Each structure stands twice: as C-alpha cells, then as structure tokens.
C-alpha cells in the first residue's frame, strides 16, 4: 500500500486457563506492536480478552458468537453448499466484521476453523504441532473425533493460506509432506517465552506451598501426553536411592489429574507431589527460579514454551529425548529417555550434586534463547506482510 498502512486483523482466542497456547498468542500480539508500519487490530471473542488487549494499548474488536451463526458456518462449509455460497455471497458475522473494519489480511495466532469461513479475505494461519499424526494413540487427539476434526481443518485451510507459520524446521517439513503445502508458503518462527517470566516478581514458593527441600517444576495442563507419570516413577527411583525431591505440578485439569494423583498414591509418593492448580501469573517467575530444574517429559512437540521460559529465568531444563524436542534445546538441556525413568533420576542427582552442572546448563540456556530469538515471529511476519502489501496493490488502492 503506497499511501496507507495495511489493516491486519489478529485473531486472539482462548482463555487464560488454556495455558501455553494462550500465553503464546498474547506474547505474539504484543511483539507485533513493534511493527508500527502496519495497523494491527485484535479480534477477540470475550470481554476479558478485549479488556486485556486494551490494557496494553492494543485496539480490539469484540465478536459475539451466536448459535445461528455457528449453524450458518456449518452449512457454509458443506461441499453441496459451495455453489449456493458463491452465488448468494452471504458472509458470516465474523467476515462482516472484517469488512466493517476494512481489514486487508487476517492473521490467526492459533489454529482456527474460522479460516474455512472466509469468502473474500486472505489469511495467515498457524500450526502449533501435528501431534495427532505423530502420536495418534493419545486420547486428547484421538477420542470423540479429535483426529478427524484436526485433519479436516488442516487439509482444507493450509493450502489456501497466504502463509503458514510453524514452530520449527521439522514442523515445516511435516506440514509440506502431510498436507501438500507449497514450501515457499511455510515459515518457521520460534516460540516466545510468556511475558509472565519477565516480571521477576518474587514470592517465597516453598513457604506458600509448604515445600521442604528441593523441588522440580512442571507447568503443564493435565493431558495424558504431558507424561506426569514419568516424573512420579523417577521420584520412586530416587527414594529407593535415599534421595527425596518434591515435584510441583501446575496447570488446569484436562481430564488426567485424577489419574496422576491416584498413581502417586499407589506408588507411595503422594506427599512429594504438590499440585498447586493453575499458577497465578505473578508467581511464575519464582516457581521457575526457585526450582532445582524445570522438568518436561512431554511426548508432544516438536517445540514447547516452558523450556524457553526456564532459559529466560535462568533455570536448568530437563527435556524429552525425542526428535524435534532435542533440536529445540540444542544441547542446552539434559535429555531423558522416556522409556526409562531412571534416566531422569540420574539427571536430577547430577544437578543436586554439582553446582557446576547447574551453572553450565543455565549459561547454555541463555545462549540458546538468544539464538532462537533471531528467528522470532517479528522478523518472519514482517517478511510475509511486506510481500503481501506489494500484491495487495493489484486489486486494492492505497
């Protein structure tokens, strides 16, 4: 646009309790404000999110979801309705809002089915992971048609996108290979640590939660793929060697909390497992900083946010030794064999017995975070928007 800045609708959805995905969206939209040559307008679906964005000085538009609109959108997506849709030119409430605000491009910060409803607007979409294809046996990506729903969305939305943002080079390869997307439209961009770990608000975590001695921290929703069970097995292994540690778990229950707590009781380590619920934002820095290590034995990747947050705070990281995940930390974390809890126990003993090991990991984490920031979303999205602005002039005057 020669005489006017493009208007970019940035779709920010979800709730605080959804965890890392929500925090990633918030961190990204705040980063976008650095690109002041474009107008970014937040699109939200709750008053809470509107108030949150506006507290940061971000203009936002609230879109109310209605049952009638949901029904219309469902009908609109049916193949038999495509011809009628093209002739009638009826738009969803979401797209009518885009028209009203003179939006030039839509950027979905998270995977969204709303991209399937757009009739006259181009969009950038995001793929956080393809774990339903990597490990389809886990209930959260398998039960009640979750696998099929994800496949339907990705199969239909990715090919039409102006650009697809992914978390890593492995993520890029998987999107191209599995969904036939053109290579030049898929852009890897590094995740960002949550803004909460930058506050450096100090809370005496051990005193508040009644923790004696050292503890490890795992901030994760209670999905089965988060693999809390592995940590419990490692605690048992440590006890058998005369070493006692506490595991602090934070996050919302997504259906697996009861199983985890019951398992800790059956293994005789319930007293060493502290479930603190969804941790307040103002406590996150201290929860990381005061821990022996952030331990994340997740089966899902190829990248995750907690290791980046631990790097930012200066906390050692113990991570899954899986393809993609090991590349994310690139030697800045201790990697554990998910088939053998004793490997985690061994790493924890090394941290307990050697301050040198601990400091070396902290230094490497700082270096790794600096490397990843070179491919942050700001630089990547600017390239995409600059290219689109040139093409937009072909059908829309500045």
Protein backbone atom coordinates (compact mmCIF):
# COMPACT_ATOMS: atom_id res chain seq x y z
CA UNK A 1 0.00 0.00 0.00
CA UNK A 2 1.62 3.22 -1.14
CA UNK A 3 -0.46 5.76 0.78
CA UNK A 4 -1.98 3.80 3.65
CA UNK A 5 -0.90 1.17 6.10
CA UNK A 6 -2.46 -2.26 5.78
CA UNK A 7 -5.03 -3.24 8.39
CA UNK A 8 -4.24 -6.65 9.84
CA UNK A 9 -6.85 -8.46 11.93
CA UNK A 10 -5.04 -10.53 14.57
CA UNK A 11 -7.37 -13.22 15.89
CA UNK A 12 -6.74 -13.80 19.61
CA UNK A 13 -8.90 -16.61 21.00
CA UNK A 14 -8.99 -18.86 24.05
CA UNK A 15 -8.94 -18.41 27.81
CA UNK A 16 -6.15 -17.89 30.33
CA UNK A 17 -6.66 -21.38 31.76
CA UNK A 18 -5.81 -22.98 28.42
CA UNK A 19 -2.16 -22.39 29.35
CA UNK A 20 0.77 -22.15 26.95
CA UNK A 21 -1.28 -21.64 23.81
CA UNK A 22 -2.98 -18.60 25.30
CA UNK A 23 0.28 -17.16 26.58
CA UNK A 24 1.91 -17.70 23.19
CA UNK A 25 -0.84 -15.76 21.46
CA UNK A 26 -0.53 -12.90 23.94
CA UNK A 27 3.26 -12.76 23.62
CA UNK A 28 2.98 -12.73 19.83
CA UNK A 29 0.41 -9.95 19.56
CA UNK A 30 2.50 -7.82 21.91
CA UNK A 31 5.56 -8.42 19.72
CA UNK A 32 3.64 -7.36 16.64
CA UNK A 33 3.24 -3.86 18.05
CA UNK A 34 6.92 -3.31 17.22
CA UNK A 35 5.98 -3.35 13.52
CA UNK A 36 4.39 0.08 13.50
CA UNK A 37 4.30 0.34 9.72
CA UNK A 38 1.13 -1.81 9.81
CA UNK A 39 -2.13 -1.42 11.72
CA UNK A 40 -2.81 -4.44 13.92
CA UNK A 41 -6.33 -4.83 15.26
CA UNK A 42 -7.06 -7.54 17.80
CA UNK A 43 -10.12 -9.68 17.19
CA UNK A 44 -11.44 -11.30 20.37
CA UNK A 45 -14.46 -13.32 21.42
CA UNK A 46 -14.67 -12.44 25.10
CA UNK A 47 -14.85 -9.24 27.11
CA UNK A 48 -11.95 -10.44 29.27
CA UNK A 49 -9.64 -10.72 26.26
CA UNK A 50 -10.78 -7.35 24.92
CA UNK A 51 -10.01 -5.70 28.26
CA UNK A 52 -6.65 -7.48 28.41
CA UNK A 53 -5.51 -6.29 24.99
CA UNK A 54 -6.73 -2.77 25.57
CA UNK A 55 -4.79 -2.68 28.85
CA UNK A 56 -1.70 -2.99 26.64
CA UNK A 57 -2.93 -0.26 24.33
CA UNK A 58 -3.99 -2.63 21.54
CA UNK A 59 -7.13 -1.72 19.63
CA UNK A 60 -9.51 -4.67 19.60
CA UNK A 61 -12.90 -5.66 18.26
CA UNK A 62 -15.25 -7.99 20.13
CA UNK A 63 -17.08 -10.57 18.00
CA UNK A 64 -20.02 -12.23 19.69
CA UNK A 65 -20.59 -15.88 18.89
CA UNK A 66 -24.19 -16.87 18.24
CA UNK A 67 -25.84 -20.24 17.73
CA UNK A 68 -27.42 -19.12 14.46
CA UNK A 69 -24.05 -18.03 13.10
CA UNK A 70 -22.50 -21.35 14.09
CA UNK A 71 -25.24 -23.20 12.20
CA UNK A 72 -24.73 -20.99 9.16
CA UNK A 73 -20.98 -21.54 9.22
CA UNK A 74 -21.50 -25.31 9.44
CA UNK A 75 -23.81 -25.26 6.40
CA UNK A 76 -21.46 -22.95 4.52
CA UNK A 77 -18.62 -25.47 4.83
CA UNK A 78 -20.58 -28.31 3.24
CA UNK A 79 -19.49 -29.09 -0.30
CA UNK A 80 -23.06 -29.20 -1.58
CA UNK A 81 -23.50 -25.58 -0.45
CA UNK A 82 -20.40 -24.21 -2.20
CA UNK A 83 -22.26 -23.30 -5.39
CA UNK A 84 -25.05 -21.55 -3.49
CA UNK A 85 -22.49 -19.75 -1.34
CA UNK A 86 -20.69 -18.42 -4.39
CA UNK A 87 -23.91 -17.11 -5.94
CA UNK A 88 -25.64 -15.77 -2.83
CA UNK A 89 -22.46 -14.20 -1.43
CA UNK A 90 -23.66 -14.48 2.15
CA UNK A 91 -20.94 -13.93 4.73
CA UNK A 92 -20.55 -14.99 8.33
CA UNK A 93 -20.75 -12.43 11.15
CA UNK A 94 -17.00 -12.79 11.55
CA UNK A 95 -16.31 -11.79 7.96
CA UNK A 96 -18.85 -8.97 8.04
CA UNK A 97 -16.86 -7.56 10.96
CA UNK A 98 -13.71 -7.75 8.81
CA UNK A 99 -15.48 -5.78 6.06
CA UNK A 100 -16.65 -3.16 8.54
CA UNK A 101 -13.09 -2.60 9.78
CA UNK A 102 -11.58 -2.52 6.28
CA UNK A 103 -9.32 -5.49 7.03
CA UNK A 104 -6.71 -6.31 4.39
CA UNK A 105 -5.42 -9.58 5.86
CA UNK A 106 -6.32 -11.89 8.74
CA UNK A 107 -3.68 -13.43 10.98
CA UNK A 108 -4.80 -16.39 13.09
CA UNK A 109 -2.48 -16.67 16.10
CA UNK A 110 -3.73 -20.21 16.74
CA UNK A 111 -5.20 -22.96 14.56
CA UNK A 112 -8.76 -21.87 13.79
CA UNK A 113 -11.71 -23.21 11.87
CA UNK A 114 -12.77 -19.63 11.18
CA UNK A 115 -10.34 -19.60 8.27
CA UNK A 116 -12.68 -22.01 6.48
CA UNK A 117 -15.47 -19.39 6.53
CA UNK A 118 -13.62 -16.61 4.72
CA UNK A 119 -15.04 -15.82 1.28
CA UNK A 120 -13.23 -12.59 0.39
CA UNK A 121 -10.35 -12.27 2.84
CA UNK A 122 -6.89 -13.76 2.68
CA UNK A 123 -5.29 -15.10 5.82
CA UNK A 124 -2.15 -16.26 7.59
CA UNK A 125 -2.65 -19.34 9.72
CA UNK A 126 -0.66 -21.04 12.45
CA UNK A 127 0.19 -24.69 13.10
CA UNK A 128 1.50 -25.30 16.61
CA UNK A 129 2.01 -29.01 16.15
CA UNK A 130 0.86 -32.08 14.26
CA UNK A 131 0.95 -34.41 17.24
CA UNK A 132 -2.31 -36.04 16.25
CA UNK A 133 -0.28 -37.54 13.39
CA UNK A 134 2.92 -38.12 15.39
CA UNK A 135 1.28 -39.93 18.31
CA UNK A 136 -2.39 -40.59 17.48
CA UNK A 137 -2.80 -43.06 20.36
CA UNK A 138 -3.19 -40.33 23.00
CA UNK A 139 -6.85 -39.73 23.99
CA UNK A 140 -6.77 -35.96 23.58
CA UNK A 141 -6.01 -36.24 19.85
CA UNK A 142 -7.94 -39.44 19.27
CA UNK A 143 -11.20 -39.69 21.19
CA UNK A 144 -14.50 -38.19 20.05
CA UNK A 145 -13.29 -37.49 16.52
CA UNK A 146 -10.50 -35.14 17.57
CA UNK A 147 -8.18 -36.70 14.99
CA UNK A 148 -10.73 -36.26 12.20
CA UNK A 149 -11.55 -32.67 13.20
CA UNK A 150 -7.90 -31.66 13.10
CA UNK A 151 -7.39 -33.36 9.76
CA UNK A 152 -10.42 -31.63 8.29
CA UNK A 153 -9.21 -28.22 9.40
CA UNK A 154 -5.61 -28.61 8.25
CA UNK A 155 -6.47 -30.34 4.99
CA UNK A 156 -8.80 -27.52 3.94
CA UNK A 157 -7.19 -24.42 5.45
CA UNK A 158 -3.45 -24.75 4.88
CA UNK A 159 -3.34 -24.85 1.09
CA UNK A 160 -5.31 -21.63 0.73
CA UNK A 161 -3.30 -19.63 3.29
CA UNK A 162 -1.08 -16.76 2.21
CA UNK A 163 1.41 -18.13 4.72
CA UNK A 164 1.55 -20.93 7.28
CA UNK A 165 3.54 -20.24 10.43
CA UNK A 166 5.07 -23.28 12.13
CA UNK A 167 7.24 -23.78 15.19
CA UNK A 168 10.37 -25.31 13.65
CA UNK A 169 12.10 -26.72 10.58
CA UNK A 170 10.70 -30.15 11.45
CA UNK A 171 7.24 -28.61 11.70
CA UNK A 172 7.73 -27.12 8.25
CA UNK A 173 8.76 -30.45 6.74
CA UNK A 174 5.75 -32.19 8.28
CA UNK A 175 3.26 -29.61 7.01
CA UNK A 176 4.66 -29.84 3.48
CA UNK A 177 4.86 -33.63 3.49
CA UNK A 178 1.48 -34.34 5.07
CA UNK A 179 -0.70 -31.64 3.51
CA UNK A 180 0.98 -30.78 0.24
CA UNK A 181 1.54 -27.11 1.04
CA UNK A 182 3.99 -25.19 -1.15
CA UNK A 183 7.37 -24.91 0.55
CA UNK A 184 7.67 -21.16 -0.05
CA UNK A 185 4.49 -20.52 1.94
CA UNK A 186 5.58 -22.26 5.16
CA UNK A 187 7.61 -20.19 7.62
CA UNK A 188 9.29 -21.49 10.78
CA UNK A 189 9.24 -18.99 13.65
CA UNK A 190 10.44 -19.57 17.19
CA UNK A 191 8.01 -19.57 20.08
CA UNK A 192 8.31 -16.79 22.65
CA UNK A 193 8.58 -17.12 26.43
CA UNK A 194 5.50 -15.96 28.31
CA UNK A 195 5.65 -12.33 29.37
CA UNK A 196 4.94 -13.51 32.93
CA UNK A 197 8.52 -14.69 33.46
CA UNK A 198 9.84 -11.20 32.73
CA UNK A 199 8.12 -9.63 35.73
CA UNK A 200 10.65 -11.01 38.26
CA UNK A 201 8.01 -10.77 40.97
CA UNK A 202 9.47 -12.58 44.00
CA UNK A 203 7.29 -14.97 46.01
CA UNK A 204 8.55 -17.44 48.61
CA UNK A 205 7.24 -20.50 46.81
CA UNK A 206 8.44 -23.04 49.36
CA UNK A 207 6.79 -21.21 52.22
CA UNK A 208 3.50 -20.66 50.39
CA UNK A 209 3.11 -24.27 49.28
CA UNK A 210 4.75 -25.99 52.22
CA UNK A 211 7.67 -27.47 50.29
CA UNK A 212 10.57 -28.92 52.22
CA UNK A 213 13.92 -29.18 50.48
CA UNK A 214 14.47 -29.02 46.73
CA UNK A 215 11.70 -29.25 44.17
CA UNK A 216 11.34 -29.65 40.42
CA UNK A 217 8.75 -27.67 38.49
CA UNK A 218 6.48 -28.82 35.68
CA UNK A 219 3.98 -26.25 34.33
CA UNK A 220 1.64 -28.24 32.11
CA UNK A 221 -2.03 -28.92 31.61
CA UNK A 222 -3.11 -32.35 32.75
CA UNK A 223 -3.30 -34.09 29.39
CA UNK A 224 -2.04 -37.65 29.19
CA UNK A 225 0.70 -36.71 26.70
CA UNK A 226 2.29 -34.40 29.27
CA UNK A 227 3.55 -37.59 30.95
CA UNK A 228 3.40 -36.59 34.62
CA UNK A 229 3.52 -40.32 35.37
CA UNK A 230 7.14 -40.45 34.25
CA UNK A 231 8.15 -37.92 36.89
CA UNK A 232 6.39 -39.90 39.60
CA UNK A 233 8.28 -43.03 38.58
CA UNK A 234 11.53 -41.07 38.79
CA UNK A 235 10.64 -39.88 42.31
CA UNK A 236 10.17 -43.50 43.31
CA UNK A 237 13.55 -44.39 41.83
CA UNK A 238 15.20 -41.58 43.80
CA UNK A 239 13.57 -42.67 47.06
CA UNK A 240 14.99 -46.15 46.54
CA UNK A 241 18.41 -44.47 46.44
CA UNK A 242 17.75 -42.39 49.54
CA UNK A 243 17.07 -39.12 47.69
CA UNK A 244 13.88 -37.15 48.36
CA UNK A 245 12.60 -34.48 45.98
CA UNK A 246 9.26 -32.73 45.57
CA UNK A 247 7.55 -32.33 42.21
CA UNK A 248 5.43 -29.20 41.82
CA UNK A 249 2.76 -29.57 39.15
CA UNK A 250 0.78 -26.56 37.93
CA UNK A 251 -1.90 -26.40 35.27
CA UNK A 252 -5.57 -26.97 34.59
CA UNK A 253 -7.16 -30.40 34.65
CA UNK A 254 -7.90 -31.63 31.14
CA UNK A 255 -9.12 -35.00 32.35
CA UNK A 256 -5.94 -36.70 33.58
CA UNK A 257 -5.40 -35.10 37.00
CA UNK A 258 -7.27 -37.76 38.96
CA UNK A 259 -5.22 -40.50 37.31
CA UNK A 260 -1.93 -38.74 38.10
CA UNK A 261 -2.75 -38.12 41.76
CA UNK A 262 -4.08 -41.63 42.22
CA UNK A 263 -0.93 -43.05 40.67
CA UNK A 264 1.26 -41.01 43.02
CA UNK A 265 -0.66 -42.51 45.95
CA UNK A 266 -0.29 -46.04 44.63
CA UNK A 267 3.48 -45.52 44.32
CA UNK A 268 3.79 -44.13 47.84
CA UNK A 269 4.97 -40.64 46.82
CA UNK A 270 1.74 -38.62 47.18
CA UNK A 271 3.39 -36.45 49.86
CA UNK A 272 6.09 -35.46 47.36
CA UNK A 273 3.66 -34.37 44.67
CA UNK A 274 2.35 -30.82 45.06
CA UNK A 275 -0.49 -29.92 42.75
CA UNK A 276 -0.99 -26.16 43.01
CA UNK A 277 -3.68 -25.72 40.37
CA UNK A 278 -3.39 -23.08 37.69
CA UNK A 279 -0.48 -20.96 38.90
CA UNK A 280 -1.08 -17.20 39.15
CA UNK A 281 0.86 -15.19 36.57
CA UNK A 282 2.67 -13.26 39.27
CA UNK A 283 4.13 -16.49 40.71
CA UNK A 284 5.55 -17.97 37.52
CA UNK A 285 8.96 -16.30 37.73
CA UNK A 286 9.53 -17.52 41.29
CA UNK A 287 8.23 -21.02 40.58
CA UNK A 288 10.86 -21.39 37.87
CA UNK A 289 13.65 -19.52 39.63
CA UNK A 290 13.48 -21.34 42.96
CA UNK A 291 13.25 -24.83 41.45
CA UNK A 292 16.10 -27.27 41.00
CA UNK A 293 15.02 -27.68 37.38
CA UNK A 294 12.11 -27.38 35.01
CA UNK A 295 11.32 -30.95 34.01
CA UNK A 296 9.19 -31.57 30.90
CA UNK A 297 8.91 -35.21 29.78
CA UNK A 298 6.21 -34.45 27.20
CA UNK A 299 5.54 -36.70 24.22
CA UNK A 300 4.29 -33.74 22.16
CA UNK A 301 6.44 -31.30 20.25
CA UNK A 302 8.50 -30.62 18.27
CA UNK A 303 8.72 -27.47 20.41
CA UNK A 304 7.26 -26.24 23.68
CA UNK A 305 7.20 -22.96 25.63
CA UNK A 306 8.31 -23.99 29.18
CA UNK A 307 11.94 -24.68 28.18
CA UNK A 308 12.15 -21.15 26.75
CA UNK A 309 10.69 -19.70 29.93
CA UNK A 310 13.20 -21.62 32.03
CA UNK A 311 16.02 -20.35 29.80
CA UNK A 312 14.76 -16.79 30.27
CA UNK A 313 14.60 -17.10 34.06
CA UNK A 314 17.90 -18.97 34.42
CA UNK A 315 16.68 -22.41 35.43
CA UNK A 316 18.13 -25.75 34.24
CA UNK A 317 15.95 -27.73 31.85
CA UNK A 318 15.40 -31.49 31.63
CA UNK A 319 13.54 -32.39 28.45
CA UNK A 320 12.35 -35.34 26.39
CA UNK A 321 14.93 -37.01 24.17
CA UNK A 322 12.64 -37.01 21.14
CA UNK A 323 13.03 -35.90 17.54
CA UNK A 324 12.34 -32.19 17.29
CA UNK A 325 12.38 -31.56 21.02
CA UNK A 326 16.11 -32.22 21.29
CA UNK A 327 16.67 -29.85 18.38
CA UNK A 328 14.71 -27.10 20.13
CA UNK A 329 17.06 -27.05 23.13
CA UNK A 330 20.18 -27.88 21.05
CA UNK A 331 22.43 -29.09 23.87
CA UNK A 332 21.13 -26.58 26.43
CA UNK A 333 19.16 -29.19 28.39
CA UNK A 334 19.58 -32.64 29.86
CA UNK A 335 17.61 -35.14 27.78
CA UNK A 336 15.79 -38.08 29.33
CA UNK A 337 14.79 -41.42 27.90
CA UNK A 338 11.01 -41.62 28.24
CA UNK A 339 11.21 -45.41 28.41
CA UNK A 340 13.44 -45.28 31.48
CA UNK A 341 12.54 -43.06 34.49
CA UNK A 342 15.96 -43.82 35.94
CA UNK A 343 17.50 -41.55 33.29
CA UNK A 344 15.55 -38.62 34.77
CA UNK A 345 16.56 -39.70 38.27
CA UNK A 346 20.20 -39.72 37.16
CA UNK A 347 19.95 -36.19 35.75
CA UNK A 348 18.34 -34.91 38.95
CA UNK A 349 21.10 -36.41 41.07
CA UNK A 350 23.67 -34.70 38.86
CA UNK A 351 22.02 -31.33 39.50
CA UNK A 352 21.79 -31.98 43.21
CA UNK A 353 25.44 -32.97 43.46
CA UNK A 354 27.07 -30.43 41.14
CA UNK A 355 26.61 -26.68 41.07
CA UNK A 356 28.94 -26.68 38.06
CA UNK A 357 26.50 -28.79 36.04
CA UNK A 358 23.67 -26.50 37.05
CA UNK A 359 25.51 -23.29 36.08
CA UNK A 360 26.65 -24.75 32.77
CA UNK A 361 23.04 -25.55 31.84
CA UNK A 362 21.89 -22.07 32.82
CA UNK A 363 24.58 -20.47 30.64
CA UNK A 364 23.76 -22.71 27.67
CA UNK A 365 20.06 -21.94 28.11
CA UNK A 366 20.71 -18.21 27.91
CA UNK A 367 22.76 -18.70 24.75
CA UNK A 368 20.14 -20.94 23.15
CA UNK A 369 17.35 -18.47 23.83
CA UNK A 370 19.37 -15.73 22.15
CA UNK A 371 19.83 -17.94 19.09
CA UNK A 372 16.11 -18.69 18.85
CA UNK A 373 15.21 -15.01 19.12
CA UNK A 374 16.93 -14.48 15.77
CA UNK A 375 14.01 -16.31 14.13
CA UNK A 376 11.31 -14.68 16.26
CA UNK A 377 7.84 -14.01 14.91
CA UNK A 378 8.51 -10.29 14.40
CA UNK A 379 11.13 -10.77 11.69
CA UNK A 380 9.22 -13.57 9.98
CA UNK A 381 5.84 -11.85 9.92
CA UNK A 382 7.35 -8.62 8.58
CA UNK A 383 8.69 -10.51 5.55
CA UNK A 384 5.27 -12.02 4.92
CA UNK A 385 3.41 -8.72 5.26
CA UNK A 386 5.85 -6.77 3.09
CA UNK A 387 5.40 -9.29 0.28
CA UNK A 388 1.61 -9.27 0.63
CA UNK A 389 1.45 -5.45 0.62
CA UNK A 390 3.04 -5.39 -2.84
CA UNK A 391 0.48 -7.85 -4.21
CA UNK A 392 -2.46 -6.15 -2.49
CA UNK A 393 -1.97 -3.04 -4.65
CA UNK A 394 -3.05 -5.12 -7.66
CA UNK A 395 -6.69 -5.12 -6.50
CA UNK A 396 -6.97 -2.51 -3.75
CA UNK A 397 -5.95 1.15 -3.93
CA UNK A 398 -3.85 2.68 -1.15
